[in-house]
């Protein structure tokens, strides 16, 4: 491996649903980067075939068949991996199901339970089985395959999208819970990718053309496109990337860095008692109905007795003082304050 940022030598990567499509591409590319890979899907024969092909190419791989909707199968998958290689460094939760198509109003209870049980509960179970072992070493990576269907409504695979939205939320929460133990958790939300899952769509020339036209690159994704991102998220190159546990904090930080905002205006006469940033934020939300909830308040001048605050929200900047002079703050004052 030439670049240590993408070196997975000695790492053990467990990838579910890895006998075809995106999962197989991830397993192959991680193996090429030096990882020992666990090939897993429901059918033992398919697992043995893919693992055999990887071994024939000079990589280390084992086959462990598993139905991710069955907890006992998941336990056996984890136990076999630990017995074979003693550790799990990278967990890729890729396996999923979508047995039916159509609106949620036509979804049967059985179909709903199958989709949620396999896609959401299976990921929940497997993560909880693996994460404690990672925490013992203070290091590890979990990658959850969500979907663009979890980000917007869909008339055809809506229930599948609901399950993928839940997986993304699970990844966000796991990142918050396990980040202090040195574990990174991220979710990937692919769009349309050329796999068996999307076979009916990608093999219809007209539908495939329409789908491709909706993307900036004007093409359908390939499994290796997702595999490249998964390798990045598993490798040292992404050592400071984990799914944010606090979306509001992330959005506030992004507002702080926004390069184009209006010149600050003086607004609102504040009461005479003292304010800090948190109390001021609550005060503003109560009194300014149009204020965006994702705002940032910082004190940049003055002391406790006479503070001046910078407020950023919805692409606009304001300066607030207890006794404002009733005029636009001069640009030179803003420039010195904003860079402090």
Protein backbone atom coordinates (compact mmCIF):
# COMPACT_ATOMS: atom_id res chain seq x y z
CA UNK A 1 0.00 0.00 0.00
CA UNK A 2 1.61 3.27 -1.11
CA UNK A 3 -0.48 5.80 0.78
CA UNK A 4 -0.82 5.20 4.54
CA UNK A 5 -3.97 7.33 4.61
CA UNK A 6 -5.80 4.52 2.80
CA UNK A 7 -3.93 1.56 4.24
CA UNK A 8 -6.15 -1.06 5.90
CA UNK A 9 -3.40 -3.63 6.41
CA UNK A 10 -4.14 -5.84 9.40
CA UNK A 11 -7.68 -4.53 9.79
CA UNK A 12 -10.63 -6.93 9.91
CA UNK A 13 -13.67 -5.75 7.95
CA UNK A 14 -17.04 -7.45 8.37
CA UNK A 15 -19.40 -6.59 5.50
CA UNK A 16 -22.97 -7.86 5.40
CA UNK A 17 -24.67 -8.47 2.09
CA UNK A 18 -21.26 -8.78 0.46
CA UNK A 19 -21.79 -11.46 -2.20
CA UNK A 20 -22.97 -9.01 -4.86
CA UNK A 21 -23.58 -5.38 -5.70
CA UNK A 22 -22.38 -2.62 -3.40
CA UNK A 23 -21.46 -4.98 -0.58
CA UNK A 24 -19.20 -7.11 -2.77
CA UNK A 25 -17.53 -4.03 -4.25
CA UNK A 26 -16.80 -2.74 -0.74
CA UNK A 27 -15.34 -6.09 0.31
CA UNK A 28 -13.14 -6.29 -2.78
CA UNK A 29 -11.79 -2.75 -2.45
CA UNK A 30 -11.12 -3.08 1.28
CA UNK A 31 -9.26 -6.33 0.58
CA UNK A 32 -7.16 -4.52 -2.03
CA UNK A 33 -6.28 -1.97 0.64
CA UNK A 34 -4.99 -4.73 2.91
CA UNK A 35 -8.01 -5.66 5.04
CA UNK A 36 -9.03 -9.17 6.00
CA UNK A 37 -12.67 -9.39 4.95
CA UNK A 38 -15.65 -11.37 6.16
CA UNK A 39 -18.02 -12.24 3.32
CA UNK A 40 -21.58 -12.66 4.50
CA UNK A 41 -25.05 -13.05 3.03
CA UNK A 42 -27.93 -15.48 3.41
CA UNK A 43 -26.69 -18.13 0.97
CA UNK A 44 -23.66 -20.15 2.07
CA UNK A 45 -22.75 -21.16 -1.47
CA UNK A 46 -22.56 -17.54 -2.63
CA UNK A 47 -20.44 -16.60 0.38
CA UNK A 48 -17.99 -19.43 -0.26
CA UNK A 49 -17.69 -18.51 -3.92
CA UNK A 50 -16.86 -14.84 -3.30
CA UNK A 51 -14.47 -15.63 -0.44
CA UNK A 52 -12.77 -18.25 -2.62
CA UNK A 53 -12.30 -15.77 -5.45
CA UNK A 54 -10.73 -13.25 -3.09
CA UNK A 55 -8.39 -15.88 -1.66
CA UNK A 56 -7.42 -16.98 -5.16
CA UNK A 57 -6.46 -13.35 -5.87
CA UNK A 58 -4.15 -13.34 -2.86
CA UNK A 59 -6.39 -11.71 -0.27
CA UNK A 60 -7.52 -12.97 3.15
CA UNK A 61 -11.24 -13.74 3.39
CA UNK A 62 -13.64 -16.02 5.21
CA UNK A 63 -17.26 -16.87 4.42
CA UNK A 64 -19.92 -16.72 7.14
CA UNK A 65 -23.52 -17.03 5.92
CA UNK A 66 -25.99 -14.96 7.93
CA UNK A 67 -29.55 -13.70 7.79
CA UNK A 68 -29.35 -10.23 9.34
CA UNK A 69 -32.98 -10.41 10.43
CA UNK A 70 -32.14 -13.25 12.84
CA UNK A 71 -30.29 -12.35 16.00
CA UNK A 72 -28.81 -15.82 16.48
CA UNK A 73 -27.30 -15.63 12.99
CA UNK A 74 -25.75 -12.27 13.80
CA UNK A 75 -24.30 -13.59 17.04
CA UNK A 76 -22.73 -16.51 15.16
CA UNK A 77 -21.36 -14.09 12.55
CA UNK A 78 -19.63 -11.98 15.20
CA UNK A 79 -18.41 -15.00 17.20
CA UNK A 80 -16.95 -16.70 14.12
CA UNK A 81 -15.12 -13.54 13.09
CA UNK A 82 -13.65 -13.04 16.56
CA UNK A 83 -12.63 -16.70 16.80
CA UNK A 84 -10.91 -16.51 13.43
CA UNK A 85 -9.16 -13.15 13.61
CA UNK A 86 -9.67 -11.94 17.19
CA UNK A 87 -11.06 -8.51 16.32
CA UNK A 88 -13.42 -6.47 14.18
CA UNK A 89 -12.05 -3.10 13.09
CA UNK A 90 -14.60 -2.16 10.44
CA UNK A 91 -18.29 -3.05 10.38
CA UNK A 92 -20.26 -2.35 7.21
CA UNK A 93 -24.02 -2.79 7.64
CA UNK A 94 -25.04 -3.20 4.01
CA UNK A 95 -27.56 -6.06 3.87
CA UNK A 96 -31.17 -4.97 3.43
CA UNK A 97 -34.45 -6.12 1.97
CA UNK A 98 -37.42 -4.65 0.16
CA UNK A 99 -39.87 -7.45 -0.69
CA UNK A 100 -42.74 -5.23 -1.87
CA UNK A 101 -43.32 -2.05 -3.84
CA UNK A 102 -46.07 0.52 -3.63
CA UNK A 103 -47.48 3.14 -1.25
CA UNK A 104 -47.42 2.63 2.50
CA UNK A 105 -51.22 2.60 2.54
CA UNK A 106 -51.08 -0.77 0.77
CA UNK A 107 -48.32 -2.20 2.95
CA UNK A 108 -49.29 -5.24 5.01
CA UNK A 109 -48.20 -5.60 8.62
CA UNK A 110 -46.08 -8.59 7.67
CA UNK A 111 -44.23 -6.69 4.93
CA UNK A 112 -43.70 -3.68 7.19
CA UNK A 113 -42.30 -5.88 9.97
CA UNK A 114 -40.00 -7.71 7.56
CA UNK A 115 -38.52 -4.50 6.14
CA UNK A 116 -38.09 -2.85 9.54
CA UNK A 117 -36.88 -6.03 11.20
CA UNK A 118 -34.20 -6.75 8.62
CA UNK A 119 -33.07 -3.23 7.76
CA UNK A 120 -33.38 -1.42 11.10
CA UNK A 121 -33.45 -4.00 13.87
CA UNK A 122 -30.76 -6.08 12.16
CA UNK A 123 -28.43 -3.07 12.02
CA UNK A 124 -29.30 -2.23 15.63
CA UNK A 125 -28.55 -5.79 16.77
CA UNK A 126 -25.31 -6.16 14.84
CA UNK A 127 -23.98 -2.76 15.93
CA UNK A 128 -24.64 -3.56 19.57
CA UNK A 129 -22.86 -6.89 19.21
CA UNK A 130 -19.74 -5.37 17.64
CA UNK A 131 -19.37 -1.94 19.25
CA UNK A 132 -18.41 -3.15 22.76
CA UNK A 133 -15.48 -5.11 21.28
CA UNK A 134 -14.33 -2.00 19.42
CA UNK A 135 -14.66 0.08 22.58
CA UNK A 136 -12.33 -2.28 24.47
CA UNK A 137 -9.56 -1.28 22.03
CA UNK A 138 -10.65 2.35 21.81
CA UNK A 139 -10.86 2.24 18.05
CA UNK A 140 -13.26 1.16 15.32
CA UNK A 141 -15.41 2.17 12.37
CA UNK A 142 -19.06 1.47 11.61
CA UNK A 143 -20.48 2.28 8.17
CA UNK A 144 -24.23 2.06 7.63
CA UNK A 145 -25.64 1.91 4.11
CA UNK A 146 -28.68 4.14 4.13
CA UNK A 147 -30.31 5.44 0.91
CA UNK A 148 -31.41 8.57 -0.85
CA UNK A 149 -34.89 7.10 -0.42
CA UNK A 150 -34.52 7.91 3.27
CA UNK A 151 -34.07 11.60 2.49
CA UNK A 152 -37.20 12.24 0.45
CA UNK A 153 -40.62 10.77 -0.18
CA UNK A 154 -41.05 7.94 -2.65
CA UNK A 155 -44.27 6.52 -4.09
CA UNK A 156 -42.72 3.16 -4.97
CA UNK A 157 -40.31 2.22 -2.18
CA UNK A 158 -41.59 4.50 0.58
CA UNK A 159 -41.44 1.94 3.39
CA UNK A 160 -37.92 0.97 2.40
CA UNK A 161 -37.11 4.69 2.56
CA UNK A 162 -38.55 4.91 6.05
CA UNK A 163 -36.28 2.07 7.15
CA UNK A 164 -33.26 3.78 5.59
CA UNK A 165 -34.09 7.07 7.29
CA UNK A 166 -34.19 5.16 10.57
CA UNK A 167 -30.78 3.65 9.84
CA UNK A 168 -29.32 7.09 9.19
CA UNK A 169 -30.76 8.32 12.49
CA UNK A 170 -29.33 5.26 14.23
CA UNK A 171 -25.90 6.01 12.78
CA UNK A 172 -26.12 9.60 14.00
CA UNK A 173 -27.03 8.46 17.50
CA UNK A 174 -24.36 5.76 17.63
CA UNK A 175 -21.79 8.37 16.62
CA UNK A 176 -22.79 10.49 19.59
CA UNK A 177 -22.80 7.54 22.01
CA UNK A 178 -19.57 5.83 20.95
CA UNK A 179 -17.46 8.74 19.70
CA UNK A 180 -15.94 9.32 23.16
CA UNK A 181 -14.70 5.70 23.03
CA UNK A 182 -12.77 6.36 19.81
CA UNK A 183 -15.33 4.85 17.43
CA UNK A 184 -16.46 6.59 14.27
CA UNK A 185 -19.91 5.93 12.79
CA UNK A 186 -21.02 7.19 9.37
CA UNK A 187 -23.87 6.54 6.97
CA UNK A 188 -23.77 6.49 3.17
CA UNK A 189 -26.96 7.31 1.27
CA UNK A 190 -26.53 6.10 -2.34
CA UNK A 191 -28.83 7.16 -5.12
CA UNK A 192 -29.59 4.89 -8.06
CA UNK A 193 -26.77 2.35 -8.44
CA UNK A 194 -26.47 -0.40 -11.03
CA UNK A 195 -27.22 -3.46 -8.86
CA UNK A 196 -29.68 -6.35 -8.83
CA UNK A 197 -31.75 -4.36 -6.35
CA UNK A 198 -32.36 -1.70 -9.03
CA UNK A 199 -32.37 -4.13 -11.95
CA UNK A 200 -35.91 -3.35 -13.11
CA UNK A 201 -35.08 0.33 -13.33
CA UNK A 202 -31.59 0.31 -14.80
CA UNK A 203 -32.50 -2.24 -17.50
CA UNK A 204 -35.34 -0.05 -18.76
CA UNK A 205 -33.55 2.37 -21.14
CA UNK A 206 -36.10 5.16 -20.86
CA UNK A 207 -36.39 5.04 -17.09
CA UNK A 208 -32.63 4.77 -16.74
CA UNK A 209 -32.18 7.78 -19.02
CA UNK A 210 -34.62 9.87 -16.98
CA UNK A 211 -32.93 8.86 -13.75
CA UNK A 212 -29.48 9.72 -15.10
CA UNK A 213 -30.65 13.15 -16.27
CA UNK A 214 -31.53 14.04 -12.68
CA UNK A 215 -27.91 13.66 -11.55
CA UNK A 216 -25.16 16.28 -12.05
CA UNK A 217 -22.90 13.70 -13.75
CA UNK A 218 -25.76 12.48 -15.97
CA UNK A 219 -25.10 8.83 -15.22
CA UNK A 220 -26.23 6.04 -12.92
CA UNK A 221 -23.91 5.07 -10.11
CA UNK A 222 -21.78 1.93 -10.11
CA UNK A 223 -21.06 -0.23 -7.03
CA UNK A 224 -17.40 0.80 -7.05
CA UNK A 225 -18.46 4.45 -6.70
CA UNK A 226 -19.89 3.60 -3.28
CA UNK A 227 -17.01 1.26 -2.44
CA UNK A 228 -14.52 4.09 -2.82
CA UNK A 229 -16.37 6.17 -0.26
CA UNK A 230 -16.63 3.22 2.12
CA UNK A 231 -12.86 2.65 1.91
CA UNK A 232 -12.28 6.32 2.67
CA UNK A 233 -14.56 6.18 5.72
CA UNK A 234 -12.82 3.03 6.98
CA UNK A 235 -9.29 4.34 6.46
CA UNK A 236 -7.09 6.77 8.44
CA UNK A 237 -7.86 9.41 5.80
CA UNK A 238 -11.22 10.00 7.52
CA UNK A 239 -9.95 9.81 11.11
CA UNK A 240 -11.73 13.07 12.01
CA UNK A 241 -15.02 12.29 10.27
CA UNK A 242 -18.00 10.89 12.12
CA UNK A 243 -21.70 11.46 11.69
CA UNK A 244 -22.64 14.49 13.83
CA UNK A 245 -24.50 13.68 17.01
CA UNK A 246 -25.83 17.23 17.23
CA UNK A 247 -27.13 18.51 13.90
CA UNK A 248 -27.97 21.91 15.33
CA UNK A 249 -24.42 22.46 16.49
CA UNK A 250 -23.11 21.51 13.04
CA UNK A 251 -25.47 23.94 11.35
CA UNK A 252 -24.48 26.71 13.71
CA UNK A 253 -20.82 26.10 12.97
CA UNK A 254 -21.61 26.21 9.25
CA UNK A 255 -23.37 29.55 9.71
CA UNK A 256 -20.32 30.86 11.52
CA UNK A 257 -18.19 30.06 8.50
CA UNK A 258 -20.66 31.34 5.90
CA UNK A 259 -18.74 33.81 3.72
CA UNK A 260 -21.63 35.86 2.39
CA UNK A 261 -23.95 37.54 4.84
CA UNK A 262 -25.44 40.98 5.06
CA UNK A 263 -23.78 43.81 6.94
CA UNK A 264 -24.89 43.58 10.59
CA UNK A 265 -27.78 45.70 11.77
CA UNK A 266 -28.49 46.97 15.26
CA UNK A 267 -31.75 45.49 16.52
CA UNK A 268 -33.73 45.01 19.74
CA UNK A 269 -33.30 46.90 23.00
CA UNK A 270 -32.32 44.40 25.65
CA UNK A 271 -33.39 44.52 29.30
CA UNK A 272 -31.07 45.98 31.88
CA UNK A 273 -30.04 42.70 33.54
CA UNK A 274 -27.02 40.73 32.41
CA UNK A 275 -27.09 38.25 29.52
CA UNK A 276 -24.85 35.44 28.46
CA UNK A 277 -24.94 33.71 25.06
CA UNK A 278 -27.36 30.93 26.00
CA UNK A 279 -29.81 33.21 27.78
CA UNK A 280 -29.70 35.70 24.94
CA UNK A 281 -30.48 33.00 22.38
CA UNK A 282 -33.54 31.93 24.36
CA UNK A 283 -34.59 35.56 24.78
CA UNK A 284 -34.42 36.20 21.03
CA UNK A 285 -36.41 33.13 20.09
CA UNK A 286 -39.18 34.21 22.47
CA UNK A 287 -39.37 37.74 21.10
CA UNK A 288 -38.54 37.44 17.40
CA UNK A 289 -41.06 35.03 15.79
CA UNK A 290 -39.31 35.07 12.41
CA UNK A 291 -35.97 34.10 13.88
CA UNK A 292 -34.57 30.90 12.44
CA UNK A 293 -34.14 28.26 15.15
CA UNK A 294 -30.59 27.51 14.04
CA UNK A 295 -28.89 30.67 15.25
CA UNK A 296 -25.54 31.47 16.71
CA UNK A 297 -24.94 34.07 19.39
CA UNK A 298 -21.45 35.20 20.37
CA UNK A 299 -20.20 37.98 22.62
CA UNK A 300 -17.39 39.87 20.95
CA UNK A 301 -17.12 43.17 22.81
CA UNK A 302 -17.69 44.54 26.28
CA UNK A 303 -17.76 42.91 29.67
CA UNK A 304 -20.54 41.48 31.82
CA UNK A 305 -21.96 44.89 32.60
CA UNK A 306 -22.25 46.13 29.02
CA UNK A 307 -21.80 43.29 26.50
CA UNK A 308 -22.20 43.49 22.75
CA UNK A 309 -23.40 40.37 20.95
CA UNK A 310 -23.07 39.11 17.39
CA UNK A 311 -26.07 37.17 16.11
CA UNK A 312 -26.04 35.03 12.95
CA UNK A 313 -29.15 33.38 11.55
CA UNK A 314 -30.68 32.46 8.18
CA UNK A 315 -27.89 34.14 6.23
CA UNK A 316 -28.12 37.46 8.09
CA UNK A 317 -26.00 39.08 10.78
CA UNK A 318 -27.09 41.37 13.56
CA UNK A 319 -25.34 43.15 16.40
CA UNK A 320 -27.22 43.60 19.66
CA UNK A 321 -26.38 45.91 22.54
CA UNK A 322 -28.14 46.83 25.76
CA UNK A 323 -28.20 50.47 24.76
CA UNK A 324 -27.94 50.57 20.96
CA UNK A 325 -27.26 53.93 19.35
CA UNK A 326 -30.04 53.32 16.82
CA UNK A 327 -27.87 53.24 13.71
CA UNK A 328 -26.15 50.74 11.46
CA UNK A 329 -22.91 49.57 12.99
CA UNK A 330 -20.02 51.05 10.98
CA UNK A 331 -18.31 48.52 8.73
CA UNK A 332 -14.91 49.14 10.29
CA UNK A 333 -16.31 48.20 13.71
CA UNK A 334 -17.84 45.01 12.27
CA UNK A 335 -14.63 44.05 10.49
CA UNK A 336 -12.53 44.26 13.64
CA UNK A 337 -15.16 42.45 15.68
CA UNK A 338 -15.77 39.64 13.21
CA UNK A 339 -12.12 38.69 12.97
CA UNK A 340 -11.50 38.55 16.71
